[in-house]
Amino acid sequence: MKRGLVIGKFLPLHIGHMALIGYALEHCDELEVVIGASDDEPIPGEVRLEWLKQTYAGDSRVKPILLSYDEAMLPGADSIENMSRLWASYLKKNLPRIDVIFASESYGAYMSRFLDCESVIYEEPCKVVPVAAARIREEPALYAHLIPEAVREYYKVQV
């Protein structure tokens, strides 16, 4: 069995994230989807976990996991490489063995080294969602076409 990993903040979950998750599902048997959430963020981690559970309720291969942390526990580091090393160390202790990490950013390559797994960089999400997640949060009605039903319900946005 091939186990994959996707890590994100999902602030909010949007079709770019869903494209990455969909791509990962085409290449593994089970997918751990880790939601990194700190108390400093505008949407609680539990809400984002629920979005993923609702959105992927019909697919038992998707395993959403909430990773609540504070900056003292897993701080941003002086480089992507050092930050990836810290996160990988934590994930190795708290997740089952990972065979491949899927990412749309360069941290995926670093994480794979520290997790002793394959890395796949999938660039399509950045092309699918050409706007920052902060803009989606600021104007969810304008970007409703980029968010799944569970997120639209949170914002009470009609399409």
N, C-alpha and C. Protein backbone atom coordinates (compact mmCIF):
# COMPACT_ATOMS: atom_id res chain seq x y z
N MET A 1 0.85 -1.19 0.00
CA MET A 1 0.00 0.00 0.00
C MET A 1 0.89 1.24 0.00
N LYS A 2 0.57 2.17 -0.87
CA LYS A 2 1.34 3.41 -0.98
C LYS A 2 0.58 4.52 -0.25
N ARG A 3 1.26 5.11 0.76
CA ARG A 3 0.63 6.15 1.58
C ARG A 3 1.23 7.51 1.21
N GLY A 4 0.35 8.45 0.88
CA GLY A 4 0.77 9.79 0.51
C GLY A 4 0.48 10.81 1.60
N LEU A 5 1.04 12.00 1.42
CA LEU A 5 0.88 13.09 2.38
C LEU A 5 0.72 14.40 1.63
N VAL A 6 -0.27 15.18 2.05
CA VAL A 6 -0.45 16.57 1.62
C VAL A 6 -0.53 17.39 2.90
N ILE A 7 0.19 18.49 2.94
CA ILE A 7 0.17 19.38 4.10
C ILE A 7 -0.30 20.75 3.65
N GLY A 8 -1.16 21.37 4.44
CA GLY A 8 -1.60 22.71 4.11
C GLY A 8 -2.29 23.39 5.28
N LYS A 9 -2.54 24.64 5.10
CA LYS A 9 -3.31 25.39 6.09
C LYS A 9 -4.78 25.41 5.71
N PHE A 10 -5.07 25.37 4.42
CA PHE A 10 -6.45 25.33 3.91
C PHE A 10 -7.25 26.51 4.47
N LEU A 11 -6.72 27.70 4.22
CA LEU A 11 -7.26 28.96 4.78
C LEU A 11 -7.83 29.87 3.69
N PRO A 12 -8.88 29.54 3.00
CA PRO A 12 -9.73 28.35 3.13
C PRO A 12 -9.35 27.27 2.12
N LEU A 13 -9.98 26.11 2.29
CA LEU A 13 -9.90 25.04 1.31
C LEU A 13 -10.45 25.58 0.00
N HIS A 14 -9.71 25.38 -1.11
CA HIS A 14 -10.18 25.86 -2.41
C HIS A 14 -9.83 24.84 -3.49
N ILE A 15 -10.25 25.13 -4.73
CA ILE A 15 -10.08 24.14 -5.79
C ILE A 15 -8.62 23.87 -6.13
N GLY A 16 -7.71 24.76 -5.81
CA GLY A 16 -6.29 24.48 -5.97
C GLY A 16 -5.85 23.36 -5.04
N HIS A 17 -6.27 23.45 -3.78
CA HIS A 17 -5.98 22.37 -2.83
C HIS A 17 -6.61 21.07 -3.30
N MET A 18 -7.85 21.18 -3.79
CA MET A 18 -8.56 19.99 -4.23
C MET A 18 -7.89 19.36 -5.46
N ALA A 19 -7.30 20.18 -6.33
CA ALA A 19 -6.57 19.64 -7.48
C ALA A 19 -5.34 18.86 -7.00
N LEU A 20 -4.64 19.39 -6.01
CA LEU A 20 -3.48 18.71 -5.45
C LEU A 20 -3.90 17.39 -4.80
N ILE A 21 -4.95 17.43 -4.00
CA ILE A 21 -5.45 16.23 -3.34
C ILE A 21 -5.90 15.19 -4.38
N GLY A 22 -6.61 15.64 -5.41
CA GLY A 22 -7.05 14.74 -6.47
C GLY A 22 -5.88 14.09 -7.19
N TYR A 23 -4.87 14.88 -7.49
CA TYR A 23 -3.67 14.35 -8.14
C TYR A 23 -3.00 13.32 -7.24
N ALA A 24 -2.87 13.64 -5.96
CA ALA A 24 -2.25 12.71 -5.01
C ALA A 24 -3.03 11.40 -4.95
N LEU A 25 -4.35 11.48 -4.96
CA LEU A 25 -5.18 10.28 -4.89
C LEU A 25 -5.01 9.38 -6.12
N GLU A 26 -4.63 9.97 -7.24
CA GLU A 26 -4.37 9.18 -8.44
C GLU A 26 -3.07 8.38 -8.32
N HIS A 27 -2.23 8.74 -7.35
CA HIS A 27 -0.90 8.14 -7.25
C HIS A 27 -0.62 7.45 -5.92
N CYS A 28 -1.63 7.28 -5.10
CA CYS A 28 -1.41 6.55 -3.85
C CYS A 28 -2.71 5.84 -3.44
N ASP A 29 -2.59 4.96 -2.47
CA ASP A 29 -3.75 4.19 -2.01
C ASP A 29 -4.46 4.86 -0.83
N GLU A 30 -3.70 5.59 -0.03
CA GLU A 30 -4.23 6.29 1.14
C GLU A 30 -3.52 7.63 1.24
N LEU A 31 -4.26 8.66 1.63
CA LEU A 31 -3.69 10.00 1.66
C LEU A 31 -3.95 10.67 3.00
N GLU A 32 -2.87 10.96 3.71
CA GLU A 32 -2.93 11.74 4.94
C GLU A 32 -2.95 13.21 4.53
N VAL A 33 -3.98 13.95 4.94
CA VAL A 33 -4.07 15.37 4.63
C VAL A 33 -3.95 16.12 5.96
N VAL A 34 -2.80 16.72 6.18
CA VAL A 34 -2.51 17.39 7.45
C VAL A 34 -2.86 18.87 7.35
N ILE A 35 -3.72 19.31 8.27
CA ILE A 35 -4.10 20.72 8.37
C ILE A 35 -3.25 21.32 9.48
N GLY A 36 -2.32 22.19 9.13
CA GLY A 36 -1.51 22.88 10.13
C GLY A 36 -2.28 24.09 10.62
N ALA A 37 -2.51 24.16 11.92
CA ALA A 37 -3.33 25.24 12.47
C ALA A 37 -2.74 25.78 13.77
N SER A 38 -2.55 27.10 13.79
CA SER A 38 -2.11 27.74 15.04
C SER A 38 -3.22 28.69 15.50
N ASP A 39 -3.12 29.12 16.75
CA ASP A 39 -4.14 30.01 17.31
C ASP A 39 -4.12 31.40 16.68
N ASP A 40 -3.07 31.72 15.94
CA ASP A 40 -2.93 33.05 15.34
C ASP A 40 -3.68 33.19 14.02
N GLU A 41 -4.30 32.13 13.55
CA GLU A 41 -4.93 32.16 12.22
C GLU A 41 -6.40 32.56 12.30
N PRO A 42 -6.93 33.12 11.22
CA PRO A 42 -8.28 33.69 11.24
C PRO A 42 -9.43 32.67 11.25
N ILE A 43 -9.16 31.42 10.89
CA ILE A 43 -10.20 30.39 10.88
C ILE A 43 -9.71 29.22 11.72
N PRO A 44 -10.49 28.81 12.72
CA PRO A 44 -10.04 27.72 13.60
C PRO A 44 -9.74 26.43 12.83
N GLY A 45 -8.74 25.71 13.30
CA GLY A 45 -8.35 24.45 12.67
C GLY A 45 -9.48 23.45 12.61
N GLU A 46 -10.32 23.41 13.64
CA GLU A 46 -11.44 22.47 13.68
C GLU A 46 -12.41 22.71 12.53
N VAL A 47 -12.59 23.99 12.16
CA VAL A 47 -13.48 24.33 11.04
C VAL A 47 -12.87 23.81 9.75
N ARG A 48 -11.58 24.00 9.56
CA ARG A 48 -10.91 23.54 8.34
C ARG A 48 -10.88 22.02 8.26
N LEU A 49 -10.72 21.35 9.40
CA LEU A 49 -10.79 19.89 9.45
C LEU A 49 -12.18 19.43 8.98
N GLU A 50 -13.21 20.09 9.45
CA GLU A 50 -14.58 19.74 9.06
C GLU A 50 -14.81 19.96 7.56
N TRP A 51 -14.24 21.02 7.01
CA TRP A 51 -14.37 21.24 5.56
C TRP A 51 -13.82 20.05 4.79
N LEU A 52 -12.63 19.57 5.19
CA LEU A 52 -12.03 18.44 4.49
C LEU A 52 -12.85 17.17 4.69
N LYS A 53 -13.32 16.95 5.90
CA LYS A 53 -14.15 15.76 6.16
C LYS A 53 -15.42 15.79 5.31
N GLN A 54 -16.07 16.93 5.23
CA GLN A 54 -17.30 17.03 4.44
C GLN A 54 -17.01 16.88 2.95
N THR A 55 -15.98 17.56 2.49
CA THR A 55 -15.66 17.56 1.06
C THR A 55 -15.26 16.16 0.58
N TYR A 56 -14.59 15.39 1.43
CA TYR A 56 -14.12 14.06 1.03
C TYR A 56 -14.83 12.93 1.78
N ALA A 57 -16.04 13.21 2.22
CA ALA A 57 -16.81 12.20 2.97
C ALA A 57 -17.00 10.91 2.18
N GLY A 58 -17.07 11.00 0.88
CA GLY A 58 -17.29 9.82 0.06
C GLY A 58 -16.04 9.06 -0.33
N ASP A 59 -14.88 9.47 0.15
CA ASP A 59 -13.63 8.82 -0.23
C ASP A 59 -12.86 8.41 1.03
N SER A 60 -12.93 7.14 1.35
CA SER A 60 -12.29 6.64 2.58
C SER A 60 -10.77 6.66 2.51
N ARG A 61 -10.21 6.92 1.33
CA ARG A 61 -8.74 6.98 1.22
C ARG A 61 -8.18 8.27 1.80
N VAL A 62 -9.02 9.31 1.92
CA VAL A 62 -8.58 10.61 2.43
C VAL A 62 -8.69 10.61 3.95
N LYS A 63 -7.57 10.86 4.61
CA LYS A 63 -7.50 10.86 6.07
C LYS A 63 -7.11 12.25 6.57
N PRO A 64 -8.10 13.15 6.79
CA PRO A 64 -7.76 14.48 7.30
C PRO A 64 -7.28 14.41 8.75
N ILE A 65 -6.22 15.14 9.03
CA ILE A 65 -5.62 15.16 10.38
C ILE A 65 -5.36 16.61 10.76
N LEU A 66 -5.84 17.00 11.92
CA LEU A 66 -5.58 18.35 12.41
C LEU A 66 -4.30 18.36 13.23
N LEU A 67 -3.38 19.20 12.84
CA LEU A 67 -2.14 19.38 13.59
C LEU A 67 -2.17 20.78 14.18
N SER A 68 -2.66 20.88 15.41
CA SER A 68 -2.69 22.17 16.10
C SER A 68 -1.31 22.39 16.73
N TYR A 69 -0.80 23.58 16.57
CA TYR A 69 0.53 23.88 17.09
C TYR A 69 0.59 25.35 17.49
N ASP A 70 1.59 25.67 18.29
CA ASP A 70 1.87 27.07 18.51
C ASP A 70 3.28 27.33 17.97
N GLU A 71 3.57 28.57 17.75
CA GLU A 71 4.84 28.91 17.12
C GLU A 71 6.04 28.47 17.96
N ALA A 72 5.87 28.32 19.26
CA ALA A 72 6.97 27.86 20.11
C ALA A 72 7.26 26.38 19.85
N MET A 73 6.20 25.62 19.49
CA MET A 73 6.36 24.19 19.25
C MET A 73 7.01 23.92 17.89
N LEU A 74 6.47 24.53 16.85
CA LEU A 74 6.97 24.36 15.49
C LEU A 74 7.13 25.74 14.86
N PRO A 75 8.15 26.47 15.25
CA PRO A 75 8.29 27.84 14.75
C PRO A 75 8.69 27.89 13.29
N GLY A 76 8.39 29.02 12.67
CA GLY A 76 8.97 29.28 11.37
C GLY A 76 10.47 29.37 11.58
N ALA A 77 11.24 28.88 10.68
CA ALA A 77 12.69 28.88 10.86
C ALA A 77 13.33 29.88 9.90
N ASP A 78 14.65 29.95 9.95
CA ASP A 78 15.36 30.91 9.12
C ASP A 78 15.39 30.52 7.65
N SER A 79 14.98 29.28 7.32
CA SER A 79 14.95 28.86 5.93
C SER A 79 13.87 27.79 5.74
N ILE A 80 13.45 27.60 4.50
CA ILE A 80 12.46 26.55 4.21
C ILE A 80 13.04 25.20 4.58
N GLU A 81 14.33 25.02 4.36
CA GLU A 81 14.96 23.74 4.68
C GLU A 81 14.90 23.45 6.18
N ASN A 82 15.25 24.43 6.99
CA ASN A 82 15.23 24.22 8.45
C ASN A 82 13.81 24.05 8.97
N MET A 83 12.86 24.82 8.43
CA MET A 83 11.47 24.66 8.83
C MET A 83 10.98 23.27 8.46
N SER A 84 11.33 22.80 7.27
CA SER A 84 10.92 21.46 6.82
C SER A 84 11.50 20.38 7.71
N ARG A 85 12.73 20.57 8.15
CA ARG A 85 13.37 19.61 9.04
C ARG A 85 12.58 19.50 10.36
N LEU A 86 12.19 20.64 10.93
CA LEU A 86 11.43 20.64 12.18
C LEU A 86 10.08 19.93 12.01
N TRP A 87 9.36 20.30 10.96
CA TRP A 87 8.04 19.71 10.72
C TRP A 87 8.16 18.22 10.42
N ALA A 88 9.13 17.83 9.62
CA ALA A 88 9.29 16.42 9.28
C ALA A 88 9.58 15.59 10.53
N SER A 89 10.41 16.11 11.40
CA SER A 89 10.71 15.40 12.65
C SER A 89 9.43 15.16 13.45
N TYR A 90 8.61 16.20 13.55
CA TYR A 90 7.35 16.07 14.27
C TYR A 90 6.41 15.06 13.58
N LEU A 91 6.28 15.17 12.27
CA LEU A 91 5.37 14.30 11.53
C LEU A 91 5.81 12.84 11.58
N LYS A 92 7.10 12.61 11.53
CA LYS A 92 7.62 11.24 11.60
C LYS A 92 7.20 10.55 12.88
N LYS A 93 7.13 11.30 13.96
CA LYS A 93 6.75 10.74 15.25
C LYS A 93 5.24 10.56 15.39
N ASN A 94 4.45 11.29 14.58
CA ASN A 94 3.00 11.33 14.81
C ASN A 94 2.15 10.79 13.67
N LEU A 95 2.77 10.37 12.58
CA LEU A 95 2.02 9.81 11.45
C LEU A 95 2.54 8.42 11.13
N PRO A 96 1.71 7.63 10.46
CA PRO A 96 2.24 6.36 9.95
C PRO A 96 3.30 6.64 8.89
N ARG A 97 4.03 5.64 8.49
CA ARG A 97 5.06 5.82 7.46
C ARG A 97 4.47 6.43 6.20
N ILE A 98 5.15 7.42 5.66
CA ILE A 98 4.74 8.10 4.43
C ILE A 98 5.66 7.65 3.30
N ASP A 99 5.06 7.31 2.15
CA ASP A 99 5.85 6.89 1.00
C ASP A 99 6.13 8.03 0.03
N VAL A 100 5.20 9.00 -0.03
CA VAL A 100 5.37 10.10 -0.98
C VAL A 100 4.64 11.34 -0.46
N ILE A 101 5.32 12.48 -0.56
CA ILE A 101 4.69 13.75 -0.21
C ILE A 101 4.37 14.49 -1.50
N PHE A 102 3.15 15.02 -1.57
CA PHE A 102 2.70 15.81 -2.72
C PHE A 102 2.61 17.26 -2.28
N ALA A 103 3.20 18.16 -3.05
CA ALA A 103 3.18 19.57 -2.70
C ALA A 103 3.18 20.40 -3.97
N SER A 104 2.76 21.65 -3.84
CA SER A 104 2.84 22.57 -4.98
C SER A 104 3.90 23.64 -4.72
N GLU A 105 4.68 23.44 -3.68
CA GLU A 105 5.74 24.39 -3.33
C GLU A 105 7.02 23.63 -3.01
N SER A 106 8.13 24.36 -2.96
CA SER A 106 9.44 23.73 -2.82
C SER A 106 9.65 23.00 -1.50
N TYR A 107 8.88 23.32 -0.46
CA TYR A 107 9.09 22.64 0.81
C TYR A 107 8.90 21.13 0.67
N GLY A 108 8.13 20.70 -0.32
CA GLY A 108 7.88 19.26 -0.51
C GLY A 108 9.16 18.48 -0.73
N ALA A 109 10.08 19.04 -1.50
CA ALA A 109 11.35 18.36 -1.77
C ALA A 109 12.17 18.23 -0.48
N TYR A 110 12.20 19.29 0.32
CA TYR A 110 12.92 19.22 1.60
C TYR A 110 12.27 18.22 2.54
N MET A 111 10.95 18.30 2.64
CA MET A 111 10.24 17.39 3.56
C MET A 111 10.49 15.94 3.18
N SER A 112 10.52 15.65 1.90
CA SER A 112 10.72 14.26 1.47
C SER A 112 12.08 13.73 1.93
N ARG A 113 13.08 14.59 1.88
CA ARG A 113 14.41 14.19 2.35
C ARG A 113 14.38 13.82 3.82
N PHE A 114 13.70 14.65 4.61
CA PHE A 114 13.68 14.43 6.05
C PHE A 114 12.70 13.34 6.47
N LEU A 115 11.71 13.06 5.61
CA LEU A 115 10.76 11.98 5.89
C LEU A 115 11.19 10.66 5.24
N ASP A 116 12.29 10.70 4.52
CA ASP A 116 12.78 9.52 3.80
C ASP A 116 11.72 8.95 2.87
N CYS A 117 11.17 9.83 2.03
CA CYS A 117 10.14 9.39 1.10
C CYS A 117 10.31 10.12 -0.23
N GLU A 118 9.51 9.72 -1.20
CA GLU A 118 9.51 10.35 -2.52
C GLU A 118 8.82 11.72 -2.42
N SER A 119 9.17 12.61 -3.34
CA SER A 119 8.53 13.93 -3.42
C SER A 119 7.97 14.13 -4.82
N VAL A 120 6.73 14.62 -4.88
CA VAL A 120 6.13 14.99 -6.15
C VAL A 120 5.68 16.44 -6.05
N ILE A 121 6.25 17.29 -6.88
CA ILE A 121 5.83 18.70 -6.92
C ILE A 121 4.82 18.82 -8.06
N TYR A 122 3.62 19.21 -7.71
CA TYR A 122 2.50 19.34 -8.65
C TYR A 122 2.16 20.82 -8.72
N GLU A 123 2.48 21.45 -9.84
CA GLU A 123 2.38 22.91 -9.94
C GLU A 123 1.00 23.43 -10.35
N GLU A 124 0.11 22.56 -10.76
CA GLU A 124 -1.19 23.01 -11.27
C GLU A 124 -2.01 23.85 -10.28
N PRO A 125 -2.03 23.54 -8.97
CA PRO A 125 -2.87 24.35 -8.07
C PRO A 125 -2.61 25.84 -8.15
N CYS A 126 -1.36 26.22 -8.36
CA CYS A 126 -1.04 27.65 -8.46
C CYS A 126 -1.62 28.27 -9.73
N LYS A 127 -1.80 27.45 -10.77
CA LYS A 127 -2.39 27.93 -12.01
C LYS A 127 -3.92 27.94 -11.92
N VAL A 128 -4.48 26.98 -11.18
CA VAL A 128 -5.93 26.85 -11.04
C VAL A 128 -6.50 27.99 -10.20
N VAL A 129 -5.78 28.38 -9.16
CA VAL A 129 -6.23 29.45 -8.26
C VAL A 129 -5.22 30.58 -8.32
N PRO A 130 -5.47 31.54 -9.21
CA PRO A 130 -4.49 32.62 -9.42
C PRO A 130 -4.60 33.76 -8.41
N VAL A 131 -5.26 33.53 -7.28
CA VAL A 131 -5.42 34.57 -6.26
C VAL A 131 -5.04 33.99 -4.90
N ALA A 132 -4.52 34.83 -4.05
CA ALA A 132 -4.12 34.41 -2.71
C ALA A 132 -5.33 34.03 -1.87
N ALA A 133 -5.15 33.06 -0.99
CA ALA A 133 -6.24 32.63 -0.11
C ALA A 133 -6.77 33.79 0.73
N ALA A 134 -5.91 34.74 1.07
CA ALA A 134 -6.36 35.90 1.85
C ALA A 134 -7.44 36.68 1.09
N ARG A 135 -7.30 36.77 -0.23
CA ARG A 135 -8.33 37.47 -1.04
C ARG A 135 -9.65 36.69 -1.00
N ILE A 136 -9.56 35.37 -1.02
CA ILE A 136 -10.78 34.55 -0.94
C ILE A 136 -11.46 34.80 0.40
N ARG A 137 -10.69 34.86 1.47
CA ARG A 137 -11.27 35.13 2.80
C ARG A 137 -11.91 36.52 2.86
N GLU A 138 -11.28 37.50 2.22
CA GLU A 138 -11.78 38.87 2.25
C GLU A 138 -13.06 39.03 1.44
N GLU A 139 -13.15 38.34 0.32
CA GLU A 139 -14.31 38.47 -0.57
C GLU A 139 -14.81 37.11 -1.03
N PRO A 140 -15.32 36.30 -0.12
CA PRO A 140 -15.73 34.95 -0.49
C PRO A 140 -16.82 34.91 -1.56
N ALA A 141 -17.69 35.87 -1.59
CA ALA A 141 -18.75 35.87 -2.62
C ALA A 141 -18.15 36.04 -4.01
N LEU A 142 -17.13 36.87 -4.13
CA LEU A 142 -16.48 37.10 -5.41
C LEU A 142 -15.76 35.85 -5.91
N TYR A 143 -15.25 35.06 -4.98
CA TYR A 143 -14.46 33.89 -5.35
C TYR A 143 -15.18 32.58 -5.01
N ALA A 144 -16.48 32.62 -4.90
CA ALA A 144 -17.27 31.43 -4.54
C ALA A 144 -17.02 30.27 -5.49
N HIS A 145 -16.72 30.57 -6.75
CA HIS A 145 -16.46 29.51 -7.73
C HIS A 145 -15.16 28.75 -7.44
N LEU A 146 -14.34 29.26 -6.53
CA LEU A 146 -13.07 28.62 -6.20
C LEU A 146 -13.12 27.78 -4.93
N ILE A 147 -14.27 27.77 -4.24
CA ILE A 147 -14.35 27.07 -2.96
C ILE A 147 -15.46 26.01 -2.99
N PRO A 148 -15.24 24.89 -2.28
CA PRO A 148 -16.25 23.83 -2.27
C PRO A 148 -17.47 24.22 -1.41
N GLU A 149 -18.50 23.45 -1.53
CA GLU A 149 -19.77 23.72 -0.85
C GLU A 149 -19.59 23.91 0.67
N ALA A 150 -18.79 23.08 1.30
CA ALA A 150 -18.60 23.19 2.76
C ALA A 150 -18.05 24.56 3.15
N VAL A 151 -17.17 25.11 2.33
CA VAL A 151 -16.58 26.41 2.61
C VAL A 151 -17.59 27.51 2.29
N ARG A 152 -18.33 27.36 1.20
CA ARG A 152 -19.37 28.34 0.86
C ARG A 152 -20.40 28.42 1.99
N GLU A 153 -20.74 27.28 2.55
CA GLU A 153 -21.71 27.25 3.66
C GLU A 153 -21.15 28.02 4.86
N TYR A 154 -19.87 27.86 5.14
CA TYR A 154 -19.24 28.58 6.24
C TYR A 154 -19.38 30.09 6.05
N TYR A 155 -19.16 30.53 4.83
CA TYR A 155 -19.27 31.95 4.52
C TYR A 155 -20.70 32.35 4.14
N LYS A 156 -21.60 31.36 4.05
CA LYS A 156 -22.99 31.58 3.63
C LYS A 156 -23.05 32.27 2.27
N VAL A 157 -22.25 31.74 1.36
CA VAL A 157 -22.16 32.29 0.00
C VAL A 157 -23.00 31.44 -0.94
N GLN A 158 -23.83 32.09 -1.71
CA GLN A 158 -24.62 31.41 -2.74
C GLN A 158 -23.92 31.56 -4.08
N VAL A 159 -23.90 30.50 -4.84
CA VAL A 159 -23.31 30.57 -6.18
C VAL A 159 -24.41 30.76 -7.19
